[in-house]
Each structure stands twice: as structure tokens, then as C-alpha cells.
Amino acid sequence: MKNKEIQIEELIVPTVEALGAYVWGVEYLNLGRKSLLRIFVEREEGVSVDLCAEVSRHVSDLLDVEKIMPSEYTLEVSSPGMDRLLFKSEQYAAHVGERLDVRLNLPFEGRKKIVGTLVGLEKNTVVLRVDEDEYLLPLENVQKARLVPVFD
């Protein structure tokens, strides 16, 4: 995560937890004059539209008071979904054995996109199995890692 995302997450965690949920992840995109802030929330019993709206209201007020966002930004609050992004090392550990779509900052063996089965996370390195090969992808080179839902 980038510094801005870490700063925002640290600020909003107590508020989101007070609403009975937890922060799955924060994604901040600076789009020039306007910015986009995506907050993914989760809870055991699932995420409803009402919960997202409530989190949005509280977090928006908090961000306005703390003045850590640019003057114009769009706030999106949602569940992580079935094709959830992975933000933290413990999230990788919880999804070992599942399919993962990894986008890299820098090419690895000529590829910036690798889809395979998550074997694990070892010393800040994502271990991904593609066919018979295993790829060791340093976490700092991972731009995005998203679960790939499998429907039987």
C-alpha cells in the first residue's frame, strides 16, 4: 500500500469498526484534479448497501474534518466482492490454493500479468503456480492481486 492509503486506513479503522465492520482495503487513485478513494469493508454476516451508505457518510465527514483529501474527490464504499483485491499479507495466507490474477509494476520474464494458483507468501514474496512452474513474485513488484472466482 502507498503512504496515502496507509494514512487513510489508519484514520478510518476506528470509525468502520464502530459500525460493526472492518476495513478490507483502501485504494487511492490520484486522477489529476479529482481523486478517487475506494474503501472496501467486510463483516462476517456480509455487507449490505445500507452498511456501505453508513460507512460512506461517517468516513466522508471524518475525511472532511481531518482535511487529508484534496478538495475534489469521489468516495466509493463497497464490499470486496468475490473477485476481491488482496491488500495485506494475512489476506494472501487466507486464500492459499485459490486462483489469483497478479498485475506487476515491472515485467517478470516478459510478463506483467500472471494468473495462477496461490501457493503462499514467503518473506514478502508471492508464490504462484502456473501449470507446472512456480513463480516467486516480490510483493513490492505486485501492483494488484485479485482473486479469480471459480464457478463449478
C-alpha atoms as a PDB file:
ATOM      1  CA  MET A   1       0.000   0.000   0.000  1.00  0.00           C
ATOM      2  CA  LYS A   2       1.056   3.555  -0.651  1.00  0.00           C
ATOM      3  CA  ASN A   3       1.598   6.108   2.127  1.00  0.00           C
ATOM      4  CA  LYS A   4      -1.678   7.941   1.433  1.00  0.00           C
ATOM      5  CA  GLU A   5      -3.624   4.667   1.576  1.00  0.00           C
ATOM      6  CA  ILE A   6      -1.963   3.712   4.868  1.00  0.00           C
ATOM      7  CA  GLN A   7      -2.703   7.152   6.340  1.00  0.00           C
ATOM      8  CA  ILE A   8      -6.371   6.949   5.302  1.00  0.00           C
ATOM      9  CA  GLU A   9      -6.772   3.385   6.567  1.00  0.00           C
ATOM     10  CA  GLU A  10      -5.278   4.227   9.965  1.00  0.00           C
ATOM     11  CA  LEU A  11      -7.674   7.166  10.232  1.00  0.00           C
ATOM     12  CA  ILE A  12     -10.874   5.320   9.274  1.00  0.00           C
ATOM     13  CA  VAL A  13     -10.396   1.938  11.000  1.00  0.00           C
ATOM     14  CA  PRO A  14     -11.914   3.005  14.366  1.00  0.00           C
ATOM     15  CA  THR A  15     -14.960   4.516  12.633  1.00  0.00           C
ATOM     16  CA  VAL A  16     -15.580   1.476  10.430  1.00  0.00           C
ATOM     17  CA  GLU A  17     -15.126  -0.888  13.382  1.00  0.00           C
ATOM     18  CA  ALA A  18     -17.610   1.175  15.441  1.00  0.00           C
ATOM     19  CA  LEU A  19     -20.125   0.469  12.656  1.00  0.00           C
ATOM     20  CA  GLY A  20     -19.622  -3.294  13.064  1.00  0.00           C
ATOM     21  CA  ALA A  21     -17.356  -3.923  10.076  1.00  0.00           C
ATOM     22  CA  TYR A  22     -13.657  -3.923   9.272  1.00  0.00           C
ATOM     23  CA  VAL A  23     -11.570  -2.352   6.525  1.00  0.00           C
ATOM     24  CA  TRP A  24     -10.575  -4.950   3.927  1.00  0.00           C
ATOM     25  CA  GLY A  25      -8.540  -2.444   1.954  1.00  0.00           C
ATOM     26  CA  VAL A  26      -8.128   1.111   0.709  1.00  0.00           C
ATOM     27  CA  GLU A  27      -7.388   2.132  -2.864  1.00  0.00           C
ATOM     28  CA  TYR A  28      -6.472   5.752  -3.625  1.00  0.00           C
ATOM     29  CA  LEU A  29      -6.139   6.956  -7.214  1.00  0.00           C
ATOM     30  CA  ASN A  30      -4.950  10.468  -7.968  1.00  0.00           C
ATOM     31  CA  LEU A  31      -6.681  11.364 -11.242  1.00  0.00           C
ATOM     32  CA  GLY A  32      -5.362  14.891 -11.665  1.00  0.00           C
ATOM     33  CA  ARG A  33      -7.839  17.488 -10.419  1.00  0.00           C
ATOM     34  CA  LYS A  34     -10.113  14.815  -8.982  1.00  0.00           C
ATOM     35  CA  SER A  35      -9.155  11.830  -6.878  1.00  0.00           C
ATOM     36  CA  LEU A  36     -10.909   8.520  -6.327  1.00  0.00           C
ATOM     37  CA  LEU A  37     -10.951   6.832  -2.934  1.00  0.00           C
ATOM     38  CA  ARG A  38     -12.259   3.272  -2.746  1.00  0.00           C
ATOM     39  CA  ILE A  39     -12.831   1.715   0.634  1.00  0.00           C
ATOM     40  CA  PHE A  40     -13.620  -1.977   0.825  1.00  0.00           C
ATOM     41  CA  VAL A  41     -15.382  -3.095   4.007  1.00  0.00           C
ATOM     42  CA  GLU A  42     -16.244  -6.574   5.217  1.00  0.00           C
ATOM     43  CA  ARG A  43     -18.094  -8.239   8.059  1.00  0.00           C
ATOM     44  CA  GLU A  44     -18.959 -11.824   8.913  1.00  0.00           C
ATOM     45  CA  GLU A  45     -22.667 -11.560   8.099  1.00  0.00           C
ATOM     46  CA  GLY A  46     -21.949  -9.857   4.778  1.00  0.00           C
ATOM     47  CA  VAL A  47     -22.075  -6.295   3.531  1.00  0.00           C
ATOM     48  CA  SER A  48     -25.307  -4.502   2.679  1.00  0.00           C
ATOM     49  CA  VAL A  49     -26.000  -1.345   0.710  1.00  0.00           C
ATOM     50  CA  ASP A  50     -27.157   0.261   3.969  1.00  0.00           C
ATOM     51  CA  LEU A  51     -23.820  -0.511   5.642  1.00  0.00           C
ATOM     52  CA  CYS A  52     -21.898   0.946   2.691  1.00  0.00           C
ATOM     53  CA  ALA A  53     -24.022   4.118   2.809  1.00  0.00           C
ATOM     54  CA  GLU A  54     -23.496   4.465   6.563  1.00  0.00           C
ATOM     55  CA  VAL A  55     -19.726   3.941   6.276  1.00  0.00           C
ATOM     56  CA  SER A  56     -19.645   6.431   3.409  1.00  0.00           C
ATOM     57  CA  ARG A  57     -21.406   9.129   5.448  1.00  0.00           C
ATOM     58  CA  HIS A  58     -19.199   8.673   8.507  1.00  0.00           C
ATOM     59  CA  VAL A  59     -15.922   8.372   6.596  1.00  0.00           C
ATOM     60  CA  SER A  60     -16.748  11.349   4.371  1.00  0.00           C
ATOM     61  CA  ASP A  61     -17.367  13.519   7.434  1.00  0.00           C
ATOM     62  CA  LEU A  62     -14.151  12.287   9.043  1.00  0.00           C
ATOM     63  CA  LEU A  63     -12.064  12.958   5.923  1.00  0.00           C
ATOM     64  CA  ASP A  64     -13.557  16.452   5.628  1.00  0.00           C
ATOM     65  CA  VAL A  65     -12.734  17.268   9.262  1.00  0.00           C
ATOM     66  CA  GLU A  66      -9.186  15.886   9.037  1.00  0.00           C
ATOM     67  CA  LYS A  67      -8.568  17.573   5.643  1.00  0.00           C
ATOM     68  CA  ILE A  68      -6.310  14.818   4.307  1.00  0.00           C
ATOM     69  CA  MET A  69      -8.059  14.603   0.938  1.00  0.00           C
ATOM     70  CA  PRO A  70      -7.806  17.063  -1.955  1.00  0.00           C
ATOM     71  CA  SER A  71     -10.714  19.450  -2.413  1.00  0.00           C
ATOM     72  CA  GLU A  72     -12.389  17.298  -5.073  1.00  0.00           C
ATOM     73  CA  TYR A  73     -12.618  13.555  -4.627  1.00  0.00           C
ATOM     74  CA  THR A  74     -15.055  10.729  -5.175  1.00  0.00           C
ATOM     75  CA  LEU A  75     -15.619   8.262  -2.353  1.00  0.00           C
ATOM     76  CA  GLU A  76     -16.746   4.717  -3.131  1.00  0.00           C
ATOM     77  CA  VAL A  77     -17.534   2.237  -0.354  1.00  0.00           C
ATOM     78  CA  SER A  78     -18.265  -1.395  -1.196  1.00  0.00           C
ATOM     79  CA  SER A  79     -17.722  -4.995  -0.219  1.00  0.00           C
ATOM     80  CA  PRO A  80     -14.528  -6.555  -1.574  1.00  0.00           C
ATOM     81  CA  GLY A  81     -16.667  -8.888  -3.716  1.00  0.00           C
ATOM     82  CA  MET A  82     -15.874 -12.374  -4.932  1.00  0.00           C
ATOM     83  CA  ASP A  83     -13.022 -11.099  -7.102  1.00  0.00           C
ATOM     84  CA  ARG A  84     -11.520  -9.207  -4.183  1.00  0.00           C
ATOM     85  CA  LEU A  85      -8.201  -7.439  -4.272  1.00  0.00           C
ATOM     86  CA  LEU A  86      -5.622  -8.623  -1.764  1.00  0.00           C
ATOM     87  CA  PHE A  87      -4.004  -5.808   0.196  1.00  0.00           C
ATOM     88  CA  LYS A  88      -2.244  -7.427   3.186  1.00  0.00           C
ATOM     89  CA  SER A  89      -0.058 -10.465   3.763  1.00  0.00           C
ATOM     90  CA  GLU A  90      -2.651 -12.138   6.017  1.00  0.00           C
ATOM     91  CA  GLN A  91      -5.164 -11.909   3.155  1.00  0.00           C
ATOM     92  CA  TYR A  92      -2.785 -13.871   0.932  1.00  0.00           C
ATOM     93  CA  ALA A  93      -2.385 -16.530   3.637  1.00  0.00           C
ATOM     94  CA  ALA A  94      -6.175 -16.896   3.941  1.00  0.00           C
ATOM     95  CA  HIS A  95      -6.548 -17.583   0.198  1.00  0.00           C
ATOM     96  CA  VAL A  96      -3.814 -20.171  -0.421  1.00  0.00           C
ATOM     97  CA  GLY A  97      -4.968 -22.666  -3.039  1.00  0.00           C
ATOM     98  CA  GLU A  98      -7.195 -20.176  -4.860  1.00  0.00           C
ATOM     99  CA  ARG A  99      -6.707 -18.678  -8.336  1.00  0.00           C
ATOM    100  CA  LEU A 100      -5.069 -15.281  -8.405  1.00  0.00           C
ATOM    101  CA  ASP A 101      -4.673 -12.651 -11.130  1.00  0.00           C
ATOM    102  CA  VAL A 102      -1.492 -10.702 -10.421  1.00  0.00           C
ATOM    103  CA  ARG A 103      -0.552  -7.442 -12.158  1.00  0.00           C
ATOM    104  CA  LEU A 104       3.068  -6.387 -11.812  1.00  0.00           C
ATOM    105  CA  ASN A 105       4.760  -2.993 -11.790  1.00  0.00           C
ATOM    106  CA  LEU A 106       7.751  -4.358 -13.701  1.00  0.00           C
ATOM    107  CA  PRO A 107       7.713  -7.338 -16.089  1.00  0.00           C
ATOM    108  CA  PHE A 108       8.735 -10.744 -14.770  1.00  0.00           C
ATOM    109  CA  GLU A 109      10.059 -12.983 -17.557  1.00  0.00           C
ATOM    110  CA  GLY A 110       8.465 -10.588 -20.033  1.00  0.00           C
ATOM    111  CA  ARG A 111       5.017 -10.673 -18.400  1.00  0.00           C
ATOM    112  CA  LYS A 112       3.193  -8.029 -16.375  1.00  0.00           C
ATOM    113  CA  LYS A 113       0.080 -10.205 -15.860  1.00  0.00           C
ATOM    114  CA  ILE A 114       0.263 -13.682 -14.376  1.00  0.00           C
ATOM    115  CA  VAL A 115      -2.731 -15.857 -13.458  1.00  0.00           C
ATOM    116  CA  GLY A 116      -2.176 -18.955 -11.388  1.00  0.00           C
ATOM    117  CA  THR A 117      -2.808 -20.746  -8.107  1.00  0.00           C
ATOM    118  CA  LEU A 118      -1.622 -19.035  -4.947  1.00  0.00           C
ATOM    119  CA  VAL A 119       0.817 -21.373  -3.193  1.00  0.00           C
ATOM    120  CA  GLY A 120       1.629 -18.951  -0.381  1.00  0.00           C
ATOM    121  CA  LEU A 121       3.503 -15.888   0.746  1.00  0.00           C
ATOM    122  CA  GLU A 122       7.099 -16.394   1.856  1.00  0.00           C
ATOM    123  CA  LYS A 123       9.207 -13.500   3.152  1.00  0.00           C
ATOM    124  CA  ASN A 124       7.189 -10.839   1.258  1.00  0.00           C
ATOM    125  CA  THR A 125       7.244 -12.942  -1.911  1.00  0.00           C
ATOM    126  CA  VAL A 126       4.081 -14.244  -3.557  1.00  0.00           C
ATOM    127  CA  VAL A 127       4.464 -17.865  -4.668  1.00  0.00           C
ATOM    128  CA  LEU A 128       2.225 -18.527  -7.665  1.00  0.00           C
ATOM    129  CA  ARG A 129       1.876 -21.840  -9.539  1.00  0.00           C
ATOM    130  CA  VAL A 130       1.175 -21.629 -13.261  1.00  0.00           C
ATOM    131  CA  ASP A 131       0.815 -25.067 -14.833  1.00  0.00           C
ATOM    132  CA  GLU A 132       3.938 -26.905 -13.608  1.00  0.00           C
ATOM    133  CA  ASP A 133       6.002 -23.774 -12.888  1.00  0.00           C
ATOM    134  CA  GLU A 134       6.211 -21.755  -9.685  1.00  0.00           C
ATOM    135  CA  TYR A 135       6.816 -18.027  -9.838  1.00  0.00           C
ATOM    136  CA  LEU A 136       8.321 -16.072  -6.955  1.00  0.00           C
ATOM    137  CA  LEU A 137       6.974 -12.531  -7.213  1.00  0.00           C
ATOM    138  CA  PRO A 138       8.285  -9.917  -4.769  1.00  0.00           C
ATOM    139  CA  LEU A 139       5.363  -8.187  -3.058  1.00  0.00           C
ATOM    140  CA  GLU A 140       6.825  -4.739  -3.816  1.00  0.00           C
ATOM    141  CA  ASN A 141       6.513  -5.558  -7.539  1.00  0.00           C
ATOM    142  CA  VAL A 142       2.838  -6.534  -7.216  1.00  0.00           C
ATOM    143  CA  GLN A 143       0.665  -3.665  -8.417  1.00  0.00           C
ATOM    144  CA  LYS A 144      -2.607  -5.572  -7.860  1.00  0.00           C
ATOM    145  CA  ALA A 145      -3.526  -9.093  -6.881  1.00  0.00           C
ATOM    146  CA  ARG A 146      -7.140 -10.135  -7.362  1.00  0.00           C
ATOM    147  CA  LEU A 147      -8.897 -13.425  -6.632  1.00  0.00           C
ATOM    148  CA  VAL A 148     -10.347 -15.178  -9.664  1.00  0.00           C
ATOM    149  CA  PRO A 149     -13.704 -16.723  -8.767  1.00  0.00           C
ATOM    150  CA  VAL A 150     -14.193 -20.292  -9.962  1.00  0.00           C
ATOM    151  CA  PHE A 151     -17.749 -21.403 -10.676  1.00  0.00           C
ATOM    152  CA  ASP A 152     -18.428 -25.125 -10.761  1.00  0.00           C
END
